[in-house]
Amino acid sequence: MEPSDELRDPQPLSTVFGWGAGVGAPLTVKLALPNLDTQVTHVSTGRTQKAAVTKNGRLLLWEVNTFLELP
């Protein structure tokens, strides 16, 4: 291992983004996952809700507030 590798933050196994609802330009938001080792296998989106299923069967949900912001 290189000395510089020890200083880097560990990378997540999965990354999920939400998009849309931007005025003038699309809004893209990185959705929070519970842990770096979370492995997302399926994603579904609706107008205000987003859902994902992890490799171990956990269901994750996100919902947009009235200001179109994710928590």
PDB file of N, CA and C in Angstrom:
ATOM      1  N   MET A   1       0.841  -1.174   0.000  1.00  0.00           N
ATOM      2  CA  MET A   1       0.000   0.000   0.000  1.00  0.00           C
ATOM      3  C   MET A   1       0.882   1.231   0.000  1.00  0.00           C
ATOM      4  N   GLU A   2       0.494   2.159  -0.825  1.00  0.00           N
ATOM      5  CA  GLU A   2       1.206   3.426  -0.902  1.00  0.00           C
ATOM      6  C   GLU A   2       0.866   4.281   0.319  1.00  0.00           C
ATOM      7  N   PRO A   3       1.779   5.079   0.830  1.00  0.00           N
ATOM      8  CA  PRO A   3       1.479   5.952   1.968  1.00  0.00           C
ATOM      9  C   PRO A   3       0.299   6.885   1.704  1.00  0.00           C
ATOM     10  N   SER A   4       0.150   7.365   0.463  1.00  0.00           N
ATOM     11  CA  SER A   4      -0.956   8.278   0.154  1.00  0.00           C
ATOM     12  C   SER A   4      -2.302   7.563   0.208  1.00  0.00           C
ATOM     13  N   ASP A   5      -2.347   6.228  -0.018  1.00  0.00           N
ATOM     14  CA  ASP A   5      -3.591   5.465   0.050  1.00  0.00           C
ATOM     15  C   ASP A   5      -4.167   5.461   1.460  1.00  0.00           C
ATOM     16  N   GLU A   6      -3.323   5.509   2.469  1.00  0.00           N
ATOM     17  CA  GLU A   6      -3.786   5.495   3.849  1.00  0.00           C
ATOM     18  C   GLU A   6      -4.533   6.784   4.212  1.00  0.00           C
ATOM     19  N   LEU A   7      -4.254   7.884   3.503  1.00  0.00           N
ATOM     20  CA  LEU A   7      -4.856   9.168   3.807  1.00  0.00           C
ATOM     21  C   LEU A   7      -6.202   9.370   3.109  1.00  0.00           C
ATOM     22  N   ARG A   8      -6.505   8.566   2.108  1.00  0.00           N
ATOM     23  CA  ARG A   8      -7.748   8.724   1.365  1.00  0.00           C
ATOM     24  C   ARG A   8      -8.924   8.186   2.160  1.00  0.00           C
ATOM     25  N   ASP A   9     -10.078   8.832   1.984  1.00  0.00           N
ATOM     26  CA  ASP A   9     -11.303   8.346   2.596  1.00  0.00           C
ATOM     27  C   ASP A   9     -11.736   7.071   1.876  1.00  0.00           C
ATOM     28  N   PRO A  10     -12.296   6.112   2.610  1.00  0.00           N
ATOM     29  CA  PRO A  10     -12.794   4.907   1.949  1.00  0.00           C
ATOM     30  C   PRO A  10     -13.964   5.254   1.031  1.00  0.00           C
ATOM     31  N   GLN A  11     -14.037   4.586  -0.093  1.00  0.00           N
ATOM     32  CA  GLN A  11     -15.085   4.842  -1.068  1.00  0.00           C
ATOM     33  C   GLN A  11     -16.294   3.940  -0.797  1.00  0.00           C
ATOM     34  N   PRO A  12     -17.510   4.460  -0.981  1.00  0.00           N
ATOM     35  CA  PRO A  12     -18.702   3.640  -0.775  1.00  0.00           C
ATOM     36  C   PRO A  12     -18.812   2.566  -1.848  1.00  0.00           C
ATOM     37  N   LEU A  13     -19.490   1.456  -1.514  1.00  0.00           N
ATOM     38  CA  LEU A  13     -19.719   0.402  -2.489  1.00  0.00           C
ATOM     39  C   LEU A  13     -20.791   0.789  -3.492  1.00  0.00           C
ATOM     40  N   SER A  14     -21.729   1.657  -3.093  1.00  0.00           N
ATOM     41  CA  SER A  14     -22.810   2.113  -3.977  1.00  0.00           C
ATOM     42  C   SER A  14     -23.016   3.609  -3.806  1.00  0.00           C
ATOM     43  N   THR A  15     -23.510   4.240  -4.866  1.00  0.00           N
ATOM     44  CA  THR A  15     -23.896   5.634  -4.825  1.00  0.00           C
ATOM     45  C   THR A  15     -25.223   5.760  -5.556  1.00  0.00           C
ATOM     46  N   VAL A  16     -26.177   6.490  -4.962  1.00  0.00           N
ATOM     47  CA  VAL A  16     -27.489   6.689  -5.571  1.00  0.00           C
ATOM     48  C   VAL A  16     -27.737   8.187  -5.686  1.00  0.00           C
ATOM     49  N   PHE A  17     -28.198   8.624  -6.857  1.00  0.00           N
ATOM     50  CA  PHE A  17     -28.488  10.029  -7.096  1.00  0.00           C
ATOM     51  C   PHE A  17     -29.969  10.223  -7.380  1.00  0.00           C
ATOM     52  N   GLY A  18     -30.501  11.361  -6.956  1.00  0.00           N
ATOM     53  CA  GLY A  18     -31.838  11.799  -7.340  1.00  0.00           C
ATOM     54  C   GLY A  18     -31.684  12.972  -8.271  1.00  0.00           C
ATOM     55  N   TRP A  19     -32.649  13.178  -9.165  1.00  0.00           N
ATOM     56  CA  TRP A  19     -32.530  14.280 -10.100  1.00  0.00           C
ATOM     57  C   TRP A  19     -33.911  14.807 -10.451  1.00  0.00           C
ATOM     58  N   GLY A  20     -33.913  15.995 -11.048  1.00  0.00           N
ATOM     59  CA  GLY A  20     -35.149  16.624 -11.491  1.00  0.00           C
ATOM     60  C   GLY A  20     -35.543  17.771 -10.594  1.00  0.00           C
ATOM     61  N   ALA A  21     -36.663  18.410 -10.918  1.00  0.00           N
ATOM     62  CA  ALA A  21     -37.268  19.489 -10.150  1.00  0.00           C
ATOM     63  C   ALA A  21     -36.413  20.748 -10.088  1.00  0.00           C
ATOM     64  N   GLY A  22     -35.386  20.841 -10.896  1.00  0.00           N
ATOM     65  CA  GLY A  22     -34.594  22.065 -10.915  1.00  0.00           C
ATOM     66  C   GLY A  22     -35.274  23.129 -11.764  1.00  0.00           C
ATOM     67  N   VAL A  23     -35.108  24.380 -11.411  1.00  0.00           N
ATOM     68  CA  VAL A  23     -35.661  25.475 -12.198  1.00  0.00           C
ATOM     69  C   VAL A  23     -34.527  26.025 -13.041  1.00  0.00           C
ATOM     70  N   GLY A  24     -34.632  25.882 -14.341  1.00  0.00           N
ATOM     71  CA  GLY A  24     -33.591  26.357 -15.238  1.00  0.00           C
ATOM     72  C   GLY A  24     -32.530  25.307 -15.516  1.00  0.00           C
ATOM     73  N   ALA A  25     -32.212  24.494 -14.546  1.00  0.00           N
ATOM     74  CA  ALA A  25     -31.230  23.419 -14.721  1.00  0.00           C
ATOM     75  C   ALA A  25     -31.648  22.259 -13.834  1.00  0.00           C
ATOM     76  N   PRO A  26     -31.426  21.043 -14.273  1.00  0.00           N
ATOM     77  CA  PRO A  26     -31.802  19.890 -13.442  1.00  0.00           C
ATOM     78  C   PRO A  26     -31.076  19.888 -12.102  1.00  0.00           C
ATOM     79  N   LEU A  27     -31.785  19.464 -11.084  1.00  0.00           N
ATOM     80  CA  LEU A  27     -31.225  19.328  -9.739  1.00  0.00           C
ATOM     81  C   LEU A  27     -30.732  17.894  -9.579  1.00  0.00           C
ATOM     82  N   THR A  28     -29.491  17.708  -9.214  1.00  0.00           N
ATOM     83  CA  THR A  28     -28.946  16.381  -8.961  1.00  0.00           C
ATOM     84  C   THR A  28     -28.477  16.334  -7.514  1.00  0.00           C
ATOM     85  N   VAL A  29     -28.949  15.332  -6.770  1.00  0.00           N
ATOM     86  CA  VAL A  29     -28.640  15.210  -5.355  1.00  0.00           C
ATOM     87  C   VAL A  29     -28.128  13.803  -5.082  1.00  0.00           C
ATOM     88  N   LYS A  30     -27.012  13.709  -4.381  1.00  0.00           N
ATOM     89  CA  LYS A  30     -26.501  12.418  -3.943  1.00  0.00           C
ATOM     90  C   LYS A  30     -27.288  11.998  -2.708  1.00  0.00           C
ATOM     91  N   LEU A  31     -27.965  10.851  -2.774  1.00  0.00           N
ATOM     92  CA  LEU A  31     -28.794  10.384  -1.672  1.00  0.00           C
ATOM     93  C   LEU A  31     -27.930   9.697  -0.625  1.00  0.00           C
ATOM     94  N   ALA A  32     -28.248   9.951   0.629  1.00  0.00           N
ATOM     95  CA  ALA A  32     -27.471   9.384   1.732  1.00  0.00           C
ATOM     96  C   ALA A  32     -27.761   7.898   1.897  1.00  0.00           C
ATOM     97  N   LEU A  33     -26.707   7.112   2.057  1.00  0.00           N
ATOM     98  CA  LEU A  33     -26.827   5.687   2.362  1.00  0.00           C
ATOM     99  C   LEU A  33     -26.358   5.472   3.802  1.00  0.00           C
ATOM    100  N   PRO A  34     -26.885   4.453   4.480  1.00  0.00           N
ATOM    101  CA  PRO A  34     -26.573   4.278   5.903  1.00  0.00           C
ATOM    102  C   PRO A  34     -25.109   3.978   6.215  1.00  0.00           C
ATOM    103  N   ASN A  35     -24.417   3.245   5.338  1.00  0.00           N
ATOM    104  CA  ASN A  35     -23.023   2.850   5.590  1.00  0.00           C
ATOM    105  C   ASN A  35     -22.243   2.826   4.289  1.00  0.00           C
ATOM    106  N   LEU A  36     -20.935   2.875   4.400  1.00  0.00           N
ATOM    107  CA  LEU A  36     -20.097   2.772   3.202  1.00  0.00           C
ATOM    108  C   LEU A  36     -20.197   1.397   2.549  1.00  0.00           C
ATOM    109  N   ASP A  37     -20.527   0.355   3.340  1.00  0.00           N
ATOM    110  CA  ASP A  37     -20.592  -0.994   2.776  1.00  0.00           C
ATOM    111  C   ASP A  37     -21.990  -1.368   2.279  1.00  0.00           C
ATOM    112  N   THR A  38     -22.918  -0.405   2.189  1.00  0.00           N
ATOM    113  CA  THR A  38     -24.248  -0.660   1.646  1.00  0.00           C
ATOM    114  C   THR A  38     -24.141  -0.911   0.151  1.00  0.00           C
ATOM    115  N   GLN A  39     -24.695  -2.033  -0.310  1.00  0.00           N
ATOM    116  CA  GLN A  39     -24.690  -2.376  -1.728  1.00  0.00           C
ATOM    117  C   GLN A  39     -26.121  -2.316  -2.250  1.00  0.00           C
ATOM    118  N   VAL A  40     -26.408  -1.320  -3.076  1.00  0.00           N
ATOM    119  CA  VAL A  40     -27.742  -1.150  -3.646  1.00  0.00           C
ATOM    120  C   VAL A  40     -27.848  -2.001  -4.904  1.00  0.00           C
ATOM    121  N   THR A  41     -28.944  -2.792  -4.985  1.00  0.00           N
ATOM    122  CA  THR A  41     -29.155  -3.656  -6.147  1.00  0.00           C
ATOM    123  C   THR A  41     -30.306  -3.195  -7.033  1.00  0.00           C
ATOM    124  N   HIS A  42     -31.304  -2.505  -6.453  1.00  0.00           N
ATOM    125  CA  HIS A  42     -32.462  -2.037  -7.207  1.00  0.00           C
ATOM    126  C   HIS A  42     -32.844  -0.626  -6.749  1.00  0.00           C
ATOM    127  N   VAL A  43     -33.298   0.195  -7.709  1.00  0.00           N
ATOM    128  CA  VAL A  43     -33.728   1.553  -7.415  1.00  0.00           C
ATOM    129  C   VAL A  43     -35.059   1.803  -8.125  1.00  0.00           C
ATOM    130  N   SER A  44     -35.961   2.517  -7.445  1.00  0.00           N
ATOM    131  CA  SER A  44     -37.229   2.929  -8.037  1.00  0.00           C
ATOM    132  C   SER A  44     -37.496   4.361  -7.627  1.00  0.00           C
ATOM    133  N   THR A  45     -38.055   5.154  -8.547  1.00  0.00           N
ATOM    134  CA  THR A  45     -38.319   6.555  -8.231  1.00  0.00           C
ATOM    135  C   THR A  45     -39.740   6.936  -8.595  1.00  0.00           C
ATOM    136  N   GLY A  46     -40.260   7.874  -7.868  1.00  0.00           N
ATOM    137  CA  GLY A  46     -41.554   8.467  -8.157  1.00  0.00           C
ATOM    138  C   GLY A  46     -41.395   9.973  -8.165  1.00  0.00           C
ATOM    139  N   ARG A  47     -42.512  10.680  -8.129  1.00  0.00           N
ATOM    140  CA  ARG A  47     -42.446  12.145  -8.180  1.00  0.00           C
ATOM    141  C   ARG A  47     -41.725  12.718  -6.969  1.00  0.00           C
ATOM    142  N   THR A  48     -42.054  12.234  -5.769  1.00  0.00           N
ATOM    143  CA  THR A  48     -41.411  12.773  -4.565  1.00  0.00           C
ATOM    144  C   THR A  48     -40.689  11.715  -3.745  1.00  0.00           C
ATOM    145  N   GLN A  49     -40.933  10.447  -4.012  1.00  0.00           N
ATOM    146  CA  GLN A  49     -40.277   9.382  -3.245  1.00  0.00           C
ATOM    147  C   GLN A  49     -39.254   8.643  -4.097  1.00  0.00           C
ATOM    148  N   LYS A  50     -38.218   8.203  -3.421  1.00  0.00           N
ATOM    149  CA  LYS A  50     -37.187   7.361  -4.036  1.00  0.00           C
ATOM    150  C   LYS A  50     -37.022   6.137  -3.147  1.00  0.00           C
ATOM    151  N   ALA A  51     -36.774   4.975  -3.732  1.00  0.00           N
ATOM    152  CA  ALA A  51     -36.610   3.748  -2.951  1.00  0.00           C
ATOM    153  C   ALA A  51     -35.462   2.937  -3.531  1.00  0.00           C
ATOM    154  N   ALA A  52     -34.799   2.186  -2.662  1.00  0.00           N
ATOM    155  CA  ALA A  52     -33.726   1.292  -3.080  1.00  0.00           C
ATOM    156  C   ALA A  52     -33.778   0.038  -2.230  1.00  0.00           C
ATOM    157  N   VAL A  53     -33.369  -1.070  -2.833  1.00  0.00           N
ATOM    158  CA  VAL A  53     -33.246  -2.340  -2.114  1.00  0.00           C
ATOM    159  C   VAL A  53     -31.767  -2.695  -2.103  1.00  0.00           C
ATOM    160  N   THR A  54     -31.275  -3.100  -0.933  1.00  0.00           N
ATOM    161  CA  THR A  54     -29.862  -3.451  -0.802  1.00  0.00           C
ATOM    162  C   THR A  54     -29.654  -4.937  -1.048  1.00  0.00           C
ATOM    163  N   LYS A  55     -28.408  -5.319  -1.177  1.00  0.00           N
ATOM    164  CA  LYS A  55     -28.045  -6.716  -1.415  1.00  0.00           C
ATOM    165  C   LYS A  55     -28.555  -7.637  -0.307  1.00  0.00           C
ATOM    166  N   ASN A  56     -28.613  -7.141   0.936  1.00  0.00           N
ATOM    167  CA  ASN A  56     -29.091  -7.971   2.044  1.00  0.00           C
ATOM    168  C   ASN A  56     -30.595  -7.836   2.271  1.00  0.00           C
ATOM    169  N   GLY A  57     -31.331  -7.186   1.346  1.00  0.00           N
ATOM    170  CA  GLY A  57     -32.782  -7.122   1.409  1.00  0.00           C
ATOM    171  C   GLY A  57     -33.363  -5.938   2.155  1.00  0.00           C
ATOM    172  N   ARG A  58     -32.548  -5.012   2.580  1.00  0.00           N
ATOM    173  CA  ARG A  58     -33.030  -3.839   3.307  1.00  0.00           C
ATOM    174  C   ARG A  58     -33.667  -2.853   2.327  1.00  0.00           C
ATOM    175  N   LEU A  59     -34.812  -2.271   2.715  1.00  0.00           N
ATOM    176  CA  LEU A  59     -35.496  -1.275   1.905  1.00  0.00           C
ATOM    177  C   LEU A  59     -35.132   0.114   2.420  1.00  0.00           C
ATOM    178  N   LEU A  60     -34.639   0.968   1.540  1.00  0.00           N
ATOM    179  CA  LEU A  60     -34.287   2.344   1.893  1.00  0.00           C
ATOM    180  C   LEU A  60     -35.253   3.274   1.172  1.00  0.00           C
ATOM    181  N   LEU A  61     -35.749   4.303   1.869  1.00  0.00           N
ATOM    182  CA  LEU A  61     -36.688   5.258   1.288  1.00  0.00           C
ATOM    183  C   LEU A  61     -36.209   6.684   1.514  1.00  0.00           C
ATOM    184  N   TRP A  62     -36.431   7.544   0.530  1.00  0.00           N
ATOM    185  CA  TRP A  62     -36.165   8.964   0.646  1.00  0.00           C
ATOM    186  C   TRP A  62     -37.407   9.685   0.161  1.00  0.00           C
ATOM    187  N   GLU A  63     -37.704  10.837   0.758  1.00  0.00           N
ATOM    188  CA  GLU A  63     -38.840  11.633   0.309  1.00  0.00           C
ATOM    189  C   GLU A  63     -38.434  13.096   0.264  1.00  0.00           C
ATOM    190  N   VAL A  64     -38.909  13.785  -0.756  1.00  0.00           N
ATOM    191  CA  VAL A  64     -38.615  15.200  -0.930  1.00  0.00           C
ATOM    192  C   VAL A  64     -39.597  16.006  -0.097  1.00  0.00           C
ATOM    193  N   ASN A  65     -39.112  17.074   0.570  1.00  0.00           N
ATOM    194  CA  ASN A  65     -40.001  17.947   1.336  1.00  0.00           C
ATOM    195  C   ASN A  65     -40.686  18.940   0.410  1.00  0.00           C
ATOM    196  N   THR A  66     -41.473  19.850   0.950  1.00  0.00           N
ATOM    197  CA  THR A  66     -42.224  20.806   0.125  1.00  0.00           C
ATOM    198  C   THR A  66     -41.331  21.792  -0.623  1.00  0.00           C
ATOM    199  N   PHE A  67     -40.065  21.901  -0.229  1.00  0.00           N
ATOM    200  CA  PHE A  67     -39.122  22.775  -0.918  1.00  0.00           C
ATOM    201  C   PHE A  67     -38.272  21.998  -1.913  1.00  0.00           C
ATOM    202  N   LEU A  68     -38.681  20.732  -2.215  1.00  0.00           N
ATOM    203  CA  LEU A  68     -37.975  19.855  -3.146  1.00  0.00           C
ATOM    204  C   LEU A  68     -36.543  19.594  -2.691  1.00  0.00           C
ATOM    205  N   GLU A  69     -36.356  19.475  -1.384  1.00  0.00           N
ATOM    206  CA  GLU A  69     -35.056  19.161  -0.818  1.00  0.00           C
ATOM    207  C   GLU A  69     -35.126  17.785  -0.176  1.00  0.00           C
ATOM    208  N   LEU A  70     -34.071  17.023  -0.306  1.00  0.00           N
ATOM    209  CA  LEU A  70     -33.973  15.732   0.369  1.00  0.00           C
ATOM    210  C   LEU A  70     -33.346  15.944   1.730  1.00  0.00           C
ATOM    211  N   PRO A  71     -33.744  15.155   2.727  1.00  0.00           N
ATOM    212  CA  PRO A  71     -33.145  15.315   4.064  1.00  0.00           C
ATOM    213  C   PRO A  71     -31.678  14.975   4.078  1.00  0.00           C
TER     214      PRO A  71
END
